[in-house]
């Protein structure tokens, strides 16, 4: 075995049979295919432990040089949520009423969104993912982070997956610009807001746009010949 200059540990996860592996994947697909972005939330409380669990799962994401360049900031404080809503709606009014972006506005039309973001106060939790452009070190210097957008994006995807698995709902809200979140949450200049997540249970009368996802045939291209030894099967679900 190769001798390493840095600490390494064995990695030997249990190897599943092809049938069990595929069954697990298909079950996860069926679960996540029911996931939808929600704008109508119930005010019913969600325990802090659920947020902690979702962030623990996000922390398992791969990242550039394992720098994990993210900070998740959560609040259930009504005053803070109100401040976030007020600041977000200022930017949203500019977008919907003043900004010339006809193609963007047209693309959003079927979602029927507007500048009113009452869900930012109704959802029991707001969680903001901040991307760390650099990380302060104990000696006062700054460590540069690599592949920040990619790393934080993957972590946020796993955060969303965790919430849905726990029966919770969220929305990837990105008012533009989002600098007000740095002020509201008093984050350092080395971080920038990445995504604002309202988190909670869907309201009893929640509705979502009637949308269809891209079919597998448009999302996947199998390039070249399938080599010998590769098991080819057709999953039960498309």
C-alpha atoms as a PDB file:
ATOM      1  CA  UNK A   1       0.000   0.000   0.000  1.00  0.00           C
ATOM      2  CA  UNK A   2       1.198   3.524  -0.781  1.00  0.00           C
ATOM      3  CA  UNK A   3       2.720   5.392   2.145  1.00  0.00           C
ATOM      4  CA  UNK A   4       1.050   8.772   2.645  1.00  0.00           C
ATOM      5  CA  UNK A   5       2.624  11.971   3.935  1.00  0.00           C
ATOM      6  CA  UNK A   6      -0.676  12.949   5.580  1.00  0.00           C
ATOM      7  CA  UNK A   7      -3.117  10.949   7.712  1.00  0.00           C
ATOM      8  CA  UNK A   8      -5.326   8.538   5.779  1.00  0.00           C
ATOM      9  CA  UNK A   9      -7.874   6.051   7.122  1.00  0.00           C
ATOM     10  CA  UNK A  10      -9.347   2.910   5.540  1.00  0.00           C
ATOM     11  CA  UNK A  11     -12.581   3.329   3.577  1.00  0.00           C
ATOM     12  CA  UNK A  12     -14.558   0.163   2.970  1.00  0.00           C
ATOM     13  CA  UNK A  13     -18.315   0.798   2.862  1.00  0.00           C
ATOM     14  CA  UNK A  14     -20.466  -2.315   2.524  1.00  0.00           C
ATOM     15  CA  UNK A  15     -20.850  -3.335  -1.109  1.00  0.00           C
ATOM     16  CA  UNK A  16     -24.455  -3.889  -2.087  1.00  0.00           C
ATOM     17  CA  UNK A  17     -25.676  -6.396  -4.610  1.00  0.00           C
ATOM     18  CA  UNK A  18     -26.682  -4.811  -7.940  1.00  0.00           C
ATOM     19  CA  UNK A  19     -30.325  -5.563  -7.147  1.00  0.00           C
ATOM     20  CA  UNK A  20     -30.240  -3.944  -3.689  1.00  0.00           C
ATOM     21  CA  UNK A  21     -28.262  -0.989  -4.996  1.00  0.00           C
ATOM     22  CA  UNK A  22     -30.796  -0.340  -7.760  1.00  0.00           C
ATOM     23  CA  UNK A  23     -33.731  -0.819  -5.378  1.00  0.00           C
ATOM     24  CA  UNK A  24     -32.301   1.774  -3.000  1.00  0.00           C
ATOM     25  CA  UNK A  25     -31.729   4.222  -5.809  1.00  0.00           C
ATOM     26  CA  UNK A  26     -35.242   3.793  -7.161  1.00  0.00           C
ATOM     27  CA  UNK A  27     -36.754   4.261  -3.711  1.00  0.00           C
ATOM     28  CA  UNK A  28     -34.783   7.484  -3.248  1.00  0.00           C
ATOM     29  CA  UNK A  29     -35.968   8.670  -6.662  1.00  0.00           C
ATOM     30  CA  UNK A  30     -39.609   8.003  -5.757  1.00  0.00           C
ATOM     31  CA  UNK A  31     -39.149  10.002  -2.554  1.00  0.00           C
ATOM     32  CA  UNK A  32     -37.408  12.964  -4.173  1.00  0.00           C
ATOM     33  CA  UNK A  33     -39.685  13.022  -7.204  1.00  0.00           C
ATOM     34  CA  UNK A  34     -42.405  14.183  -4.798  1.00  0.00           C
ATOM     35  CA  UNK A  35     -40.284  17.154  -3.701  1.00  0.00           C
ATOM     36  CA  UNK A  36     -41.594  20.579  -4.675  1.00  0.00           C
ATOM     37  CA  UNK A  37     -40.577  24.138  -3.879  1.00  0.00           C
ATOM     38  CA  UNK A  38     -43.154  25.618  -1.510  1.00  0.00           C
ATOM     39  CA  UNK A  39     -44.325  29.210  -0.993  1.00  0.00           C
ATOM     40  CA  UNK A  40     -47.257  28.450   1.323  1.00  0.00           C
ATOM     41  CA  UNK A  41     -46.038  27.350   4.736  1.00  0.00           C
ATOM     42  CA  UNK A  42     -47.704  26.343   7.963  1.00  0.00           C
ATOM     43  CA  UNK A  43     -46.570  28.298  11.054  1.00  0.00           C
ATOM     44  CA  UNK A  44     -46.423  25.012  12.987  1.00  0.00           C
ATOM     45  CA  UNK A  45     -43.135  24.754  14.880  1.00  0.00           C
ATOM     46  CA  UNK A  46     -40.210  22.673  13.659  1.00  0.00           C
ATOM     47  CA  UNK A  47     -37.659  21.509  16.249  1.00  0.00           C
ATOM     48  CA  UNK A  48     -34.166  22.945  16.101  1.00  0.00           C
ATOM     49  CA  UNK A  49     -32.862  19.368  15.991  1.00  0.00           C
ATOM     50  CA  UNK A  50     -34.365  18.986  12.501  1.00  0.00           C
ATOM     51  CA  UNK A  51     -32.368  21.998  11.269  1.00  0.00           C
ATOM     52  CA  UNK A  52     -29.253  20.652  12.970  1.00  0.00           C
ATOM     53  CA  UNK A  53     -29.752  17.258  11.338  1.00  0.00           C
ATOM     54  CA  UNK A  54     -30.176  18.804   7.885  1.00  0.00           C
ATOM     55  CA  UNK A  55     -26.976  20.835   8.313  1.00  0.00           C
ATOM     56  CA  UNK A  56     -25.106  17.762   9.554  1.00  0.00           C
ATOM     57  CA  UNK A  57     -26.148  16.060   6.316  1.00  0.00           C
ATOM     58  CA  UNK A  58     -25.103  19.105   4.266  1.00  0.00           C
ATOM     59  CA  UNK A  59     -21.724  18.913   6.007  1.00  0.00           C
ATOM     60  CA  UNK A  60     -21.116  15.516   4.400  1.00  0.00           C
ATOM     61  CA  UNK A  61     -20.935  17.153   0.956  1.00  0.00           C
ATOM     62  CA  UNK A  62     -17.667  17.050  -0.986  1.00  0.00           C
ATOM     63  CA  UNK A  63     -15.839  20.356  -1.283  1.00  0.00           C
ATOM     64  CA  UNK A  64     -12.751  21.822  -2.910  1.00  0.00           C
ATOM     65  CA  UNK A  65      -9.669  20.741  -0.913  1.00  0.00           C
ATOM     66  CA  UNK A  66     -12.132  19.748   1.840  1.00  0.00           C
ATOM     67  CA  UNK A  67     -12.350  23.392   2.933  1.00  0.00           C
ATOM     68  CA  UNK A  68     -16.130  23.149   3.413  1.00  0.00           C
ATOM     69  CA  UNK A  69     -16.629  26.830   2.520  1.00  0.00           C
ATOM     70  CA  UNK A  70     -20.137  27.257   3.906  1.00  0.00           C
ATOM     71  CA  UNK A  71     -21.922  28.608   6.944  1.00  0.00           C
ATOM     72  CA  UNK A  72     -25.606  27.908   7.577  1.00  0.00           C
ATOM     73  CA  UNK A  73     -27.247  30.592   9.721  1.00  0.00           C
ATOM     74  CA  UNK A  74     -30.698  29.762  11.123  1.00  0.00           C
ATOM     75  CA  UNK A  75     -33.249  31.938  12.878  1.00  0.00           C
ATOM     76  CA  UNK A  76     -36.725  31.476  14.300  1.00  0.00           C
ATOM     77  CA  UNK A  77     -36.779  35.007  15.760  1.00  0.00           C
ATOM     78  CA  UNK A  78     -39.945  36.818  14.561  1.00  0.00           C
ATOM     79  CA  UNK A  79     -38.203  40.219  14.548  1.00  0.00           C
ATOM     80  CA  UNK A  80     -35.333  38.913  12.448  1.00  0.00           C
ATOM     81  CA  UNK A  81     -37.697  37.173  10.033  1.00  0.00           C
ATOM     82  CA  UNK A  82     -39.677  40.403   9.669  1.00  0.00           C
ATOM     83  CA  UNK A  83     -36.493  42.350   8.932  1.00  0.00           C
ATOM     84  CA  UNK A  84     -35.502  39.795   6.290  1.00  0.00           C
ATOM     85  CA  UNK A  85     -38.922  39.964   4.654  1.00  0.00           C
ATOM     86  CA  UNK A  86     -38.971  43.763   4.559  1.00  0.00           C
ATOM     87  CA  UNK A  87     -35.493  43.968   3.028  1.00  0.00           C
ATOM     88  CA  UNK A  88     -36.208  41.168   0.546  1.00  0.00           C
ATOM     89  CA  UNK A  89     -39.414  42.809  -0.629  1.00  0.00           C
ATOM     90  CA  UNK A  90     -37.575  46.061  -1.321  1.00  0.00           C
ATOM     91  CA  UNK A  91     -35.367  44.221  -3.813  1.00  0.00           C
ATOM     92  CA  UNK A  92     -38.243  42.164  -5.189  1.00  0.00           C
ATOM     93  CA  UNK A  93     -40.337  45.286  -5.897  1.00  0.00           C
ATOM     94  CA  UNK A  94     -37.459  46.677  -7.923  1.00  0.00           C
ATOM     95  CA  UNK A  95     -37.256  43.431  -9.886  1.00  0.00           C
ATOM     96  CA  UNK A  96     -40.961  43.053 -10.612  1.00  0.00           C
ATOM     97  CA  UNK A  97     -41.842  46.730 -11.085  1.00  0.00           C
ATOM     98  CA  UNK A  98     -38.723  48.555 -12.251  1.00  0.00           C
ATOM     99  CA  UNK A  99     -36.166  46.192 -13.756  1.00  0.00           C
ATOM    100  CA  UNK A 100     -36.331  45.594 -17.486  1.00  0.00           C
ATOM    101  CA  UNK A 101     -36.062  41.818 -17.779  1.00  0.00           C
ATOM    102  CA  UNK A 102     -38.913  40.743 -20.076  1.00  0.00           C
ATOM    103  CA  UNK A 103     -37.565  37.253 -20.765  1.00  0.00           C
ATOM    104  CA  UNK A 104     -37.006  36.575 -17.076  1.00  0.00           C
ATOM    105  CA  UNK A 105     -40.424  37.934 -16.149  1.00  0.00           C
ATOM    106  CA  UNK A 106     -42.018  35.808 -18.868  1.00  0.00           C
ATOM    107  CA  UNK A 107     -40.240  32.681 -17.622  1.00  0.00           C
ATOM    108  CA  UNK A 108     -41.589  33.285 -14.109  1.00  0.00           C
ATOM    109  CA  UNK A 109     -45.153  33.978 -15.240  1.00  0.00           C
ATOM    110  CA  UNK A 110     -46.383  30.392 -14.883  1.00  0.00           C
ATOM    111  CA  UNK A 111     -45.127  30.341 -11.287  1.00  0.00           C
ATOM    112  CA  UNK A 112     -47.288  33.394 -10.489  1.00  0.00           C
ATOM    113  CA  UNK A 113     -44.688  34.896  -8.172  1.00  0.00           C
ATOM    114  CA  UNK A 114     -44.580  38.567  -7.224  1.00  0.00           C
ATOM    115  CA  UNK A 115     -42.847  40.888  -4.752  1.00  0.00           C
ATOM    116  CA  UNK A 116     -44.882  39.731  -1.757  1.00  0.00           C
ATOM    117  CA  UNK A 117     -42.853  37.269   0.328  1.00  0.00           C
ATOM    118  CA  UNK A 118     -45.033  36.655   3.365  1.00  0.00           C
ATOM    119  CA  UNK A 119     -43.633  33.117   3.621  1.00  0.00           C
ATOM    120  CA  UNK A 120     -40.437  34.638   5.017  1.00  0.00           C
ATOM    121  CA  UNK A 121     -42.378  35.456   8.192  1.00  0.00           C
ATOM    122  CA  UNK A 122     -44.770  32.512   8.235  1.00  0.00           C
ATOM    123  CA  UNK A 123     -42.220  29.684   7.901  1.00  0.00           C
ATOM    124  CA  UNK A 124     -40.985  28.773  11.389  1.00  0.00           C
ATOM    125  CA  UNK A 125     -37.333  28.882  10.308  1.00  0.00           C
ATOM    126  CA  UNK A 126     -35.206  30.889   7.923  1.00  0.00           C
ATOM    127  CA  UNK A 127     -31.850  29.354   7.082  1.00  0.00           C
ATOM    128  CA  UNK A 128     -29.294  31.261   5.032  1.00  0.00           C
ATOM    129  CA  UNK A 129     -26.399  29.463   3.379  1.00  0.00           C
ATOM    130  CA  UNK A 130     -23.386  31.757   3.238  1.00  0.00           C
ATOM    131  CA  UNK A 131     -20.456  31.012   0.940  1.00  0.00           C
ATOM    132  CA  UNK A 132     -17.018  31.591   2.425  1.00  0.00           C
ATOM    133  CA  UNK A 133     -14.767  33.271  -0.143  1.00  0.00           C
ATOM    134  CA  UNK A 134     -11.962  32.848   2.389  1.00  0.00           C
ATOM    135  CA  UNK A 135     -11.769  31.524   5.923  1.00  0.00           C
ATOM    136  CA  UNK A 136     -10.149  33.377   8.862  1.00  0.00           C
ATOM    137  CA  UNK A 137      -7.452  31.333  10.591  1.00  0.00           C
ATOM    138  CA  UNK A 138      -6.485  31.504  14.294  1.00  0.00           C
ATOM    139  CA  UNK A 139      -3.352  33.521  13.480  1.00  0.00           C
ATOM    140  CA  UNK A 140      -5.446  36.233  11.824  1.00  0.00           C
ATOM    141  CA  UNK A 141      -4.549  35.290   8.249  1.00  0.00           C
ATOM    142  CA  UNK A 142      -7.060  34.259   5.586  1.00  0.00           C
ATOM    143  CA  UNK A 143      -7.142  30.881   3.870  1.00  0.00           C
ATOM    144  CA  UNK A 144      -8.319  30.992   0.275  1.00  0.00           C
ATOM    145  CA  UNK A 145     -11.123  28.578  -0.575  1.00  0.00           C
ATOM    146  CA  UNK A 146     -11.437  26.747  -3.882  1.00  0.00           C
ATOM    147  CA  UNK A 147     -14.455  25.794  -6.012  1.00  0.00           C
ATOM    148  CA  UNK A 148     -16.656  27.754  -3.620  1.00  0.00           C
ATOM    149  CA  UNK A 149     -19.781  27.922  -5.800  1.00  0.00           C
ATOM    150  CA  UNK A 150     -19.605  24.246  -6.663  1.00  0.00           C
ATOM    151  CA  UNK A 151     -18.963  23.188  -3.069  1.00  0.00           C
ATOM    152  CA  UNK A 152     -21.712  25.297  -1.521  1.00  0.00           C
ATOM    153  CA  UNK A 153     -24.148  24.320  -4.261  1.00  0.00           C
ATOM    154  CA  UNK A 154     -23.640  20.627  -3.526  1.00  0.00           C
ATOM    155  CA  UNK A 155     -24.049  21.212   0.224  1.00  0.00           C
ATOM    156  CA  UNK A 156     -27.271  23.135  -0.380  1.00  0.00           C
ATOM    157  CA  UNK A 157     -28.608  20.317  -2.549  1.00  0.00           C
ATOM    158  CA  UNK A 158     -27.958  17.843   0.236  1.00  0.00           C
ATOM    159  CA  UNK A 159     -29.592  20.229   2.733  1.00  0.00           C
ATOM    160  CA  UNK A 160     -32.734  20.306   0.574  1.00  0.00           C
ATOM    161  CA  UNK A 161     -32.701  16.511   0.250  1.00  0.00           C
ATOM    162  CA  UNK A 162     -32.420  16.156   4.020  1.00  0.00           C
ATOM    163  CA  UNK A 163     -35.370  18.472   4.643  1.00  0.00           C
ATOM    164  CA  UNK A 164     -37.604  16.626   2.188  1.00  0.00           C
ATOM    165  CA  UNK A 165     -36.597  13.264   3.655  1.00  0.00           C
ATOM    166  CA  UNK A 166     -37.765  14.540   7.059  1.00  0.00           C
ATOM    167  CA  UNK A 167     -41.133  15.608   5.642  1.00  0.00           C
ATOM    168  CA  UNK A 168     -40.263  19.306   5.594  1.00  0.00           C
ATOM    169  CA  UNK A 169     -40.471  21.774   2.729  1.00  0.00           C
ATOM    170  CA  UNK A 170     -38.350  24.671   1.574  1.00  0.00           C
ATOM    171  CA  UNK A 171     -37.750  27.132  -1.229  1.00  0.00           C
ATOM    172  CA  UNK A 172     -34.474  28.283  -2.792  1.00  0.00           C
ATOM    173  CA  UNK A 173     -35.088  32.014  -2.454  1.00  0.00           C
ATOM    174  CA  UNK A 174     -32.478  34.317  -3.971  1.00  0.00           C
ATOM    175  CA  UNK A 175     -33.547  37.973  -3.939  1.00  0.00           C
ATOM    176  CA  UNK A 176     -31.088  40.004  -5.983  1.00  0.00           C
ATOM    177  CA  UNK A 177     -28.992  41.572  -4.551  1.00  0.00           C
ATOM    178  CA  UNK A 178     -28.800  39.690  -1.240  1.00  0.00           C
ATOM    179  CA  UNK A 179     -26.276  41.848   0.576  1.00  0.00           C
ATOM    180  CA  UNK A 180     -28.887  42.804   3.174  1.00  0.00           C
ATOM    181  CA  UNK A 181     -28.606  39.279   4.602  1.00  0.00           C
ATOM    182  CA  UNK A 182     -24.976  39.945   5.515  1.00  0.00           C
ATOM    183  CA  UNK A 183     -26.122  42.950   7.552  1.00  0.00           C
ATOM    184  CA  UNK A 184     -29.148  41.309   9.158  1.00  0.00           C
ATOM    185  CA  UNK A 185     -27.153  38.289  10.288  1.00  0.00           C
ATOM    186  CA  UNK A 186     -23.956  40.251  10.997  1.00  0.00           C
ATOM    187  CA  UNK A 187     -21.749  37.993   8.914  1.00  0.00           C
ATOM    188  CA  UNK A 188     -18.115  38.820   8.123  1.00  0.00           C
ATOM    189  CA  UNK A 189     -16.946  40.321   4.831  1.00  0.00           C
ATOM    190  CA  UNK A 190     -15.332  36.991   3.953  1.00  0.00           C
ATOM    191  CA  UNK A 191     -18.804  35.495   3.419  1.00  0.00           C
ATOM    192  CA  UNK A 192     -21.570  36.236   0.936  1.00  0.00           C
ATOM    193  CA  UNK A 193     -25.206  35.118   0.962  1.00  0.00           C
ATOM    194  CA  UNK A 194     -25.787  32.182  -1.340  1.00  0.00           C
ATOM    195  CA  UNK A 195     -29.376  30.946  -0.800  1.00  0.00           C
ATOM    196  CA  UNK A 196     -32.147  31.911   1.612  1.00  0.00           C
ATOM    197  CA  UNK A 197     -34.228  28.906   2.706  1.00  0.00           C
ATOM    198  CA  UNK A 198     -37.593  29.262   4.457  1.00  0.00           C
ATOM    199  CA  UNK A 199     -38.136  25.920   6.208  1.00  0.00           C
ATOM    200  CA  UNK A 200     -41.299  24.378   7.594  1.00  0.00           C
ATOM    201  CA  UNK A 201     -44.282  22.194   6.822  1.00  0.00           C
ATOM    202  CA  UNK A 202     -46.465  22.981   3.804  1.00  0.00           C
ATOM    203  CA  UNK A 203     -49.690  24.793   4.688  1.00  0.00           C
ATOM    204  CA  UNK A 204     -52.817  22.579   4.665  1.00  0.00           C
ATOM    205  CA  UNK A 205     -54.064  24.480   1.595  1.00  0.00           C
ATOM    206  CA  UNK A 206     -50.651  24.612  -0.093  1.00  0.00           C
ATOM    207  CA  UNK A 207     -50.656  24.526  -3.877  1.00  0.00           C
ATOM    208  CA  UNK A 208     -47.740  24.342  -6.307  1.00  0.00           C
ATOM    209  CA  UNK A 209     -47.547  25.009 -10.056  1.00  0.00           C
ATOM    210  CA  UNK A 210     -48.476  22.057 -12.267  1.00  0.00           C
ATOM    211  CA  UNK A 211     -45.038  21.374 -13.722  1.00  0.00           C
ATOM    212  CA  UNK A 212     -43.330  18.367 -15.267  1.00  0.00           C
ATOM    213  CA  UNK A 213     -39.667  17.510 -14.865  1.00  0.00           C
ATOM    214  CA  UNK A 214     -37.300  16.976 -17.747  1.00  0.00           C
ATOM    215  CA  UNK A 215     -37.529  13.335 -18.910  1.00  0.00           C
ATOM    216  CA  UNK A 216     -34.542  11.067 -18.480  1.00  0.00           C
ATOM    217  CA  UNK A 217     -33.988  10.992 -22.230  1.00  0.00           C
ATOM    218  CA  UNK A 218     -33.233  14.722 -22.155  1.00  0.00           C
ATOM    219  CA  UNK A 219     -31.232  14.678 -18.925  1.00  0.00           C
ATOM    220  CA  UNK A 220     -28.930  11.730 -19.670  1.00  0.00           C
ATOM    221  CA  UNK A 221     -26.725  10.979 -22.654  1.00  0.00           C
ATOM    222  CA  UNK A 222     -24.923   7.620 -22.633  1.00  0.00           C
ATOM    223  CA  UNK A 223     -21.899   8.314 -24.817  1.00  0.00           C
ATOM    224  CA  UNK A 224     -20.153   5.524 -26.702  1.00  0.00           C
ATOM    225  CA  UNK A 225     -20.547   1.790 -26.466  1.00  0.00           C
ATOM    226  CA  UNK A 226     -21.489   0.047 -23.236  1.00  0.00           C
ATOM    227  CA  UNK A 227     -18.464  -2.026 -22.269  1.00  0.00           C
ATOM    228  CA  UNK A 228     -18.618  -5.686 -21.301  1.00  0.00           C
ATOM    229  CA  UNK A 229     -19.191  -6.332 -17.627  1.00  0.00           C
ATOM    230  CA  UNK A 230     -21.552  -3.377 -17.219  1.00  0.00           C
ATOM    231  CA  UNK A 231     -24.968  -4.471 -16.076  1.00  0.00           C
ATOM    232  CA  UNK A 232     -27.664  -2.944 -18.269  1.00  0.00           C
ATOM    233  CA  UNK A 233     -31.210  -2.858 -16.925  1.00  0.00           C
ATOM    234  CA  UNK A 234     -34.334  -0.825 -17.327  1.00  0.00           C
ATOM    235  CA  UNK A 235     -35.558   0.627 -14.033  1.00  0.00           C
ATOM    236  CA  UNK A 236     -39.203   0.215 -13.160  1.00  0.00           C
ATOM    237  CA  UNK A 237     -39.713   3.990 -13.043  1.00  0.00           C
ATOM    238  CA  UNK A 238     -38.823   6.417 -15.860  1.00  0.00           C
END
